[in-house]
Amino acid sequence: SLLGDAASCATIATIALLHHADALPFGLLVALAFLGTLLDLPAQMGRYAALPDAAAQAGLRFERANSIYEGVISSGALIAPATAGLLIAWVGPANVLWFDVATFGLSILIVASAFPAPVPGAAGREEPRLPLRRAFSQSWSLVRRDEVLFPLVAYLFLINLIVGPVETLVIPVYANTVLDSAIALGFMTAALAAGGLGGNVIFAAVGHRLPRQATFALAFATLPVMLIVLAPGPGAGIAIPVLVLVGLGLSIGNLLEYTIYFERIPSYIRASVLGICGGLTWLSVPLGRIVFGALIEATSLETALLILGLVALPLSFTALFLRGLRTRPASA
């Protein structure tokens, strides 16, 4: 987490300095942006890995701790665009980068000073610290052999083929070609985030009682519903509520996913297992975007939405066949 924030802080500061010195060609900008995001996923997994210990110290269920964590992120996603717009209007786009540098610096201070110490293992035993290669080997072995983790990762790999294009292609292209409105694009994006916040609230309240197979199936079934509903090209009055529903479903599915990870992964290899699971499940995201983009080019937006929706519908309900989800740890 510290390395990821430090990399982002350093690269953004470098971009700002070079811009003010009029020494920032496009190629260098792209390279610095790549370096800044290179450690984003490991940093995110590092924060997730600390979450169960924080939840244990606070006496919270994993479901509720996950919901609070993701709720803060969703709230930020709702207010960040408007805040960025105001700051750009106030100080200019280049100077806004210094606000970004300051927030990363603040994050580093908070993480360094306030992250919880790992909770000891059973009977107060200290968990082993493994060499990197051995930790990776044990983590990969756990993912491959666990009756819940491997089927779940495979399921989410397939689901993310559908999730991948939603924010980057479905919403922008629909807003541009069907609604022909930049304002509609803003409302559609906000609707997705608002639905995510609603999902956090629901999962915090009742997540520990939900049947897991059915929850995954229904949560991700919101994707084909959205795609099929949008295929005929309805107006914003239909598109926006449907996106709220999708945001709610994706939020609940994501929260349940990480709750299961926290229950099944030993703390001493938690970060590396989370990294493997996250890497595998998100490996399909760029592939889904490429396929959907090619499908739009080869046919039309309406046809591409319908095809993707018809593929996603049975795919979402394969969660009902993940037998390992029928039971949960006694402590859950």
Protein backbone atom coordinates (compact mmCIF):
# COMPACT_ATOMS: atom_id res chain seq x y z
CA SER A 1 0.00 0.00 0.00
CA LEU A 2 2.77 2.44 0.93
CA LEU A 3 4.78 1.62 -2.20
CA GLY A 4 1.76 2.12 -4.47
CA ASP A 5 0.87 5.48 -2.93
CA ALA A 6 4.51 6.59 -2.96
CA ALA A 7 4.86 5.68 -6.65
CA SER A 8 1.70 7.60 -7.53
CA CYS A 9 2.76 10.58 -5.42
CA ALA A 10 6.23 10.71 -7.02
CA THR A 11 5.05 10.34 -10.61
CA ILE A 12 2.26 12.92 -10.30
CA ALA A 13 4.68 15.39 -8.70
CA THR A 14 7.13 14.74 -11.55
CA ILE A 15 4.40 15.32 -14.14
CA ALA A 16 3.44 18.61 -12.47
CA LEU A 17 7.05 19.82 -12.26
CA LEU A 18 7.86 18.90 -15.87
CA HIS A 19 4.64 20.52 -17.08
CA HIS A 20 5.50 23.79 -15.34
CA ALA A 21 9.00 23.58 -16.86
CA ASP A 22 7.45 23.03 -20.30
CA ALA A 23 9.43 19.78 -20.58
CA LEU A 24 6.69 17.14 -20.74
CA PRO A 25 6.34 15.49 -24.16
CA PHE A 26 3.40 13.14 -24.64
CA GLY A 27 5.53 9.98 -24.63
CA LEU A 28 7.05 10.86 -21.27
CA LEU A 29 3.60 11.70 -19.87
CA VAL A 30 2.34 8.24 -20.86
CA ALA A 31 5.42 6.57 -19.38
CA LEU A 32 5.04 8.41 -16.07
CA ALA A 33 1.33 7.60 -15.93
CA PHE A 34 2.18 3.92 -16.48
CA LEU A 35 4.79 3.95 -13.71
CA GLY A 36 2.35 5.64 -11.35
CA THR A 37 -0.31 3.01 -11.86
CA LEU A 38 2.04 0.01 -12.02
CA LEU A 39 1.69 -0.67 -8.30
CA ASP A 40 -1.99 0.26 -8.01
CA LEU A 41 -3.28 -3.33 -7.84
CA PRO A 42 -0.63 -4.51 -5.32
CA ALA A 43 -1.37 -1.42 -3.22
CA GLN A 44 -5.09 -2.12 -3.35
CA MET A 45 -4.51 -5.75 -2.36
CA GLY A 46 -2.29 -4.57 0.50
CA ARG A 47 -5.10 -2.44 1.90
CA TYR A 48 -7.58 -5.29 1.48
CA ALA A 49 -5.17 -7.65 3.24
CA ALA A 50 -5.16 -5.39 6.31
CA LEU A 51 -8.95 -5.11 6.39
CA PRO A 52 -9.70 -8.41 8.21
CA ASP A 53 -7.29 -7.48 11.02
CA ALA A 54 -8.92 -4.07 11.32
CA ALA A 55 -12.36 -5.72 11.35
CA ALA A 56 -11.28 -8.18 14.06
CA GLN A 57 -9.92 -5.40 16.26
CA ALA A 58 -13.14 -3.41 15.81
CA GLY A 59 -15.36 -6.43 16.44
CA LEU A 60 -17.02 -6.18 13.01
CA ARG A 61 -18.23 -8.94 10.72
CA PHE A 62 -16.35 -9.16 7.44
CA GLU A 63 -19.56 -8.28 5.61
CA ARG A 64 -19.95 -5.02 7.51
CA ALA A 65 -16.24 -4.10 7.38
CA ASN A 66 -16.21 -4.68 3.62
CA SER A 67 -19.31 -2.54 3.21
CA ILE A 68 -17.87 0.36 5.17
CA TYR A 69 -14.61 0.21 3.21
CA GLU A 70 -16.30 0.07 -0.19
CA GLY A 71 -18.88 2.65 0.92
CA VAL A 72 -16.13 5.19 1.52
CA ILE A 73 -14.73 4.45 -1.95
CA SER A 74 -18.18 4.76 -3.56
CA SER A 75 -18.81 8.05 -1.76
CA GLY A 76 -15.52 9.36 -3.07
CA ALA A 77 -16.46 8.27 -6.60
CA LEU A 78 -19.67 10.28 -6.32
CA ILE A 79 -18.11 13.54 -5.12
CA ALA A 80 -14.71 13.37 -6.86
CA PRO A 81 -15.79 14.46 -10.38
CA ALA A 82 -17.57 17.57 -9.14
CA THR A 83 -14.72 18.39 -6.76
CA ALA A 84 -12.18 17.99 -9.57
CA GLY A 85 -14.21 20.26 -11.81
CA LEU A 86 -14.36 22.98 -9.16
CA LEU A 87 -10.62 22.72 -8.47
CA ILE A 88 -9.77 22.88 -12.18
CA ALA A 89 -11.93 25.98 -12.54
CA TRP A 90 -10.29 27.53 -9.46
CA VAL A 91 -6.56 26.80 -9.94
CA GLY A 92 -6.26 25.30 -13.44
CA PRO A 93 -5.69 21.69 -14.53
CA ALA A 94 -1.92 21.60 -13.98
CA ASN A 95 -2.10 22.99 -10.44
CA VAL A 96 -4.79 20.47 -9.47
CA LEU A 97 -2.07 17.82 -9.69
CA TRP A 98 -0.54 19.25 -6.52
CA PHE A 99 -3.78 18.54 -4.65
CA ASP A 100 -3.43 14.95 -5.86
CA VAL A 101 0.16 14.82 -4.61
CA ALA A 102 -0.99 16.11 -1.22
CA THR A 103 -3.74 13.49 -0.91
CA PHE A 104 -1.31 10.68 -1.69
CA GLY A 105 1.11 12.08 0.89
CA LEU A 106 -1.69 12.17 3.47
CA SER A 107 -2.60 8.59 2.59
CA ILE A 108 0.99 7.48 3.15
CA LEU A 109 1.02 9.12 6.60
CA ILE A 110 -2.29 7.53 7.59
CA VAL A 111 -1.31 4.06 6.41
CA ALA A 112 2.12 4.25 8.05
CA SER A 113 0.73 5.38 11.41
CA ALA A 114 -2.71 3.82 11.68
CA PHE A 115 -2.71 0.44 9.91
CA PRO A 116 -3.47 -2.33 12.42
CA ALA A 117 -0.86 -4.87 13.44
CA PRO A 118 -1.63 -8.40 12.22
CA VAL A 119 -3.92 -10.37 14.52
CA PRO A 120 -2.12 -13.41 16.00
CA GLY A 121 -3.16 -16.85 14.82
CA ALA A 122 -5.05 -19.45 16.80
CA ALA A 123 -4.16 -19.71 20.48
CA GLY A 124 -2.11 -16.55 20.19
CA ARG A 125 0.52 -18.15 17.94
CA GLU A 126 2.38 -15.78 15.66
CA GLU A 127 1.77 -16.49 11.98
CA PRO A 128 4.89 -17.52 10.00
CA ARG A 129 6.62 -15.07 7.69
CA LEU A 130 7.47 -16.84 4.45
CA PRO A 131 10.08 -16.00 1.80
CA LEU A 132 8.50 -14.43 -1.27
CA ARG A 133 8.88 -17.46 -3.55
CA ARG A 134 7.48 -19.86 -0.95
CA ALA A 135 4.59 -17.51 -0.15
CA PHE A 136 3.68 -17.34 -3.83
CA SER A 137 3.95 -21.12 -4.18
CA GLN A 138 1.68 -21.75 -1.19
CA SER A 139 -0.74 -19.08 -2.36
CA TRP A 140 -1.03 -20.52 -5.86
CA SER A 141 -1.46 -24.01 -4.42
CA LEU A 142 -4.28 -22.78 -2.17
CA VAL A 143 -6.09 -21.06 -5.04
CA ARG A 144 -5.82 -24.17 -7.27
CA ARG A 145 -6.91 -26.69 -4.66
CA ASP A 146 -9.48 -24.87 -2.56
CA GLU A 147 -13.01 -26.09 -3.29
CA VAL A 148 -14.39 -22.56 -3.08
CA LEU A 149 -11.61 -20.26 -4.29
CA PHE A 150 -10.79 -21.90 -7.62
CA PRO A 151 -14.40 -22.20 -8.89
CA LEU A 152 -15.13 -18.68 -7.64
CA VAL A 153 -12.11 -17.20 -9.42
CA ALA A 154 -13.05 -19.03 -12.63
CA TYR A 155 -16.64 -17.74 -12.37
CA LEU A 156 -15.52 -14.16 -11.78
CA PHE A 157 -13.03 -14.37 -14.66
CA LEU A 158 -15.98 -15.08 -16.98
CA ILE A 159 -18.22 -12.47 -15.36
CA ASN A 160 -15.55 -9.79 -15.78
CA LEU A 161 -15.63 -10.34 -19.53
CA ILE A 162 -19.05 -8.67 -19.26
CA VAL A 163 -18.21 -6.21 -16.48
CA GLY A 164 -15.12 -4.86 -18.27
CA PRO A 165 -16.87 -2.93 -21.07
CA VAL A 166 -19.62 -1.37 -18.91
CA GLU A 167 -17.92 1.82 -17.70
CA THR A 168 -15.39 2.25 -20.50
CA LEU A 169 -17.55 1.37 -23.53
CA VAL A 170 -21.24 0.72 -22.84
CA ILE A 171 -21.96 3.92 -20.91
CA PRO A 172 -19.84 6.39 -22.96
CA VAL A 173 -20.86 4.99 -26.36
CA TYR A 174 -24.53 4.82 -25.36
CA ALA A 175 -24.50 8.39 -24.04
CA ASN A 176 -22.83 9.60 -27.23
CA THR A 177 -24.66 7.66 -29.94
CA VAL A 178 -28.12 7.17 -28.41
CA LEU A 179 -28.60 10.05 -25.97
CA ASP A 180 -26.15 12.46 -27.68
CA SER A 181 -25.47 14.20 -24.38
CA ALA A 182 -22.42 14.75 -22.21
CA ILE A 183 -24.78 15.57 -19.34
CA ALA A 184 -26.42 12.16 -19.75
CA LEU A 185 -22.96 10.57 -19.57
CA GLY A 186 -22.39 12.24 -16.20
CA PHE A 187 -25.76 11.11 -14.86
CA MET A 188 -25.25 7.54 -16.10
CA THR A 189 -21.83 7.31 -14.45
CA ALA A 190 -23.22 8.79 -11.23
CA ALA A 191 -26.13 6.32 -11.33
CA LEU A 192 -23.69 3.41 -11.35
CA ALA A 193 -21.84 4.86 -8.35
CA ALA A 194 -25.09 5.60 -6.50
CA GLY A 195 -26.22 2.02 -7.00
CA GLY A 196 -22.88 0.85 -5.63
CA LEU A 197 -23.40 2.92 -2.50
CA GLY A 198 -26.86 1.41 -2.07
CA GLY A 199 -25.38 -2.07 -2.41
CA ASN A 200 -22.92 -1.26 0.39
CA VAL A 201 -25.77 -0.28 2.71
CA ILE A 202 -27.79 -3.42 1.92
CA PHE A 203 -24.82 -5.75 2.32
CA ALA A 204 -23.79 -4.14 5.61
CA ALA A 205 -27.29 -4.75 6.98
CA VAL A 206 -28.10 -8.26 5.74
CA GLY A 207 -25.02 -9.60 3.92
CA HIS A 208 -24.30 -12.23 6.57
CA ARG A 209 -27.78 -13.73 6.07
CA LEU A 210 -27.82 -13.91 2.27
CA PRO A 211 -27.62 -17.29 0.46
CA ARG A 212 -24.37 -17.04 -1.40
CA GLN A 213 -25.06 -18.93 -4.62
CA ALA A 214 -28.31 -17.06 -5.26
CA THR A 215 -26.76 -13.73 -4.25
CA PHE A 216 -23.97 -14.04 -6.81
CA ALA A 217 -26.41 -15.18 -9.50
CA LEU A 218 -28.92 -12.37 -8.92
CA ALA A 219 -26.25 -9.71 -8.37
CA PHE A 220 -24.57 -10.40 -11.70
CA ALA A 221 -27.86 -11.05 -13.51
CA THR A 222 -28.32 -7.27 -13.37
CA LEU A 223 -25.71 -7.08 -16.16
CA PRO A 224 -27.68 -8.95 -18.85
CA VAL A 225 -30.86 -7.17 -17.73
CA MET A 226 -29.18 -3.82 -18.37
CA LEU A 227 -27.69 -4.89 -21.71
CA ILE A 228 -30.97 -6.29 -23.04
CA VAL A 229 -33.01 -3.31 -21.79
CA LEU A 230 -30.59 -0.82 -23.38
CA ALA A 231 -30.41 -2.68 -26.71
CA PRO A 232 -33.54 -1.00 -28.21
CA GLY A 233 -32.08 2.42 -27.32
CA PRO A 234 -34.43 3.80 -24.62
CA GLY A 235 -33.97 7.29 -23.21
CA ALA A 236 -32.21 8.42 -20.05
CA GLY A 237 -35.39 7.90 -18.01
CA ILE A 238 -34.92 4.14 -18.41
CA ALA A 239 -31.14 3.94 -18.80
CA ILE A 240 -30.34 5.72 -15.52
CA PRO A 241 -32.52 3.55 -13.20
CA VAL A 242 -31.19 0.40 -14.88
CA LEU A 243 -27.63 1.55 -14.19
CA VAL A 244 -28.51 2.15 -10.54
CA LEU A 245 -29.64 -1.49 -10.43
CA VAL A 246 -26.39 -2.65 -12.05
CA GLY A 247 -24.30 -0.63 -9.59
CA LEU A 248 -26.20 -2.20 -6.72
CA GLY A 249 -25.69 -5.72 -8.08
CA LEU A 250 -21.98 -5.29 -8.84
CA SER A 251 -21.42 -3.82 -5.38
CA ILE A 252 -23.08 -6.73 -3.59
CA GLY A 253 -21.24 -9.27 -5.75
CA ASN A 254 -17.88 -7.60 -5.08
CA LEU A 255 -18.50 -7.39 -1.33
CA LEU A 256 -19.48 -11.05 -1.14
CA GLU A 257 -16.40 -12.02 -3.16
CA TYR A 258 -14.00 -10.39 -0.70
CA THR A 259 -15.92 -11.62 2.33
CA ILE A 260 -15.32 -15.17 1.08
CA TYR A 261 -11.63 -14.42 0.48
CA PHE A 262 -11.23 -13.13 4.03
CA GLU A 263 -12.92 -16.21 5.47
CA ARG A 264 -10.83 -18.77 3.58
CA ILE A 265 -7.34 -17.27 3.24
CA PRO A 266 -4.81 -17.65 6.10
CA SER A 267 -3.53 -14.29 7.26
CA TYR A 268 0.17 -15.07 6.64
CA ILE A 269 -0.40 -15.45 2.86
CA ARG A 270 -3.46 -13.22 2.58
CA ALA A 271 -1.81 -10.47 0.53
CA SER A 272 -0.29 -12.84 -2.02
CA VAL A 273 -3.49 -14.90 -2.41
CA LEU A 274 -5.54 -11.74 -2.84
CA GLY A 275 -3.06 -10.59 -5.47
CA ILE A 276 -3.36 -13.86 -7.37
CA CYS A 277 -7.16 -13.90 -7.17
CA GLY A 278 -7.41 -10.24 -8.15
CA GLY A 279 -4.98 -10.66 -11.02
CA LEU A 280 -6.76 -13.72 -12.40
CA THR A 281 -10.28 -12.33 -12.12
CA TRP A 282 -9.33 -9.01 -13.71
CA LEU A 283 -7.25 -10.61 -16.46
CA SER A 284 -10.42 -10.90 -18.55
CA VAL A 285 -11.39 -7.21 -18.26
CA PRO A 286 -9.26 -5.92 -21.18
CA LEU A 287 -10.26 -8.94 -23.26
CA GLY A 288 -13.94 -8.15 -22.70
CA ARG A 289 -13.37 -4.55 -23.76
CA ILE A 290 -11.56 -5.58 -26.93
CA VAL A 291 -14.26 -8.08 -27.89
CA PHE A 292 -17.13 -5.67 -27.21
CA GLY A 293 -15.41 -2.85 -29.09
CA ALA A 294 -14.86 -5.13 -32.08
CA LEU A 295 -18.48 -6.28 -31.87
CA ILE A 296 -19.73 -2.68 -32.02
CA GLU A 297 -17.53 -2.00 -35.05
CA ALA A 298 -18.67 -5.18 -36.82
CA THR A 299 -22.40 -4.75 -36.13
CA SER A 300 -23.93 -1.84 -34.19
CA LEU A 301 -24.26 -0.76 -30.58
CA GLU A 302 -27.78 -2.18 -30.35
CA THR A 303 -26.77 -5.57 -31.77
CA ALA A 304 -23.63 -5.73 -29.63
CA LEU A 305 -25.64 -5.00 -26.47
CA LEU A 306 -28.16 -7.71 -27.30
CA ILE A 307 -25.51 -10.33 -28.09
CA LEU A 308 -23.55 -9.54 -24.93
CA GLY A 309 -26.74 -9.62 -22.85
CA LEU A 310 -27.80 -13.01 -24.20
CA VAL A 311 -24.34 -14.42 -23.45
CA ALA A 312 -24.27 -12.89 -19.96
CA LEU A 313 -27.70 -14.16 -18.90
CA PRO A 314 -26.88 -17.88 -18.55
CA LEU A 315 -23.34 -17.04 -17.46
CA SER A 316 -24.50 -15.14 -14.38
CA PHE A 317 -26.61 -18.08 -13.18
CA THR A 318 -23.71 -20.55 -13.27
CA ALA A 319 -23.09 -19.34 -9.70
CA LEU A 320 -25.92 -21.68 -8.70
CA PHE A 321 -23.61 -24.60 -9.53
CA LEU A 322 -20.76 -23.44 -7.25
CA ARG A 323 -21.43 -26.06 -4.59
CA GLY A 324 -18.72 -24.84 -2.23
CA LEU A 325 -20.74 -21.67 -1.62
CA ARG A 326 -23.55 -23.61 0.05
CA THR A 327 -21.68 -23.68 3.35
CA ARG A 328 -19.74 -21.01 5.18
CA PRO A 329 -17.23 -21.12 8.05
CA ALA A 330 -18.80 -21.53 11.46
CA SER A 331 -17.32 -18.20 12.56
CA ALA A 332 -18.90 -16.30 9.66
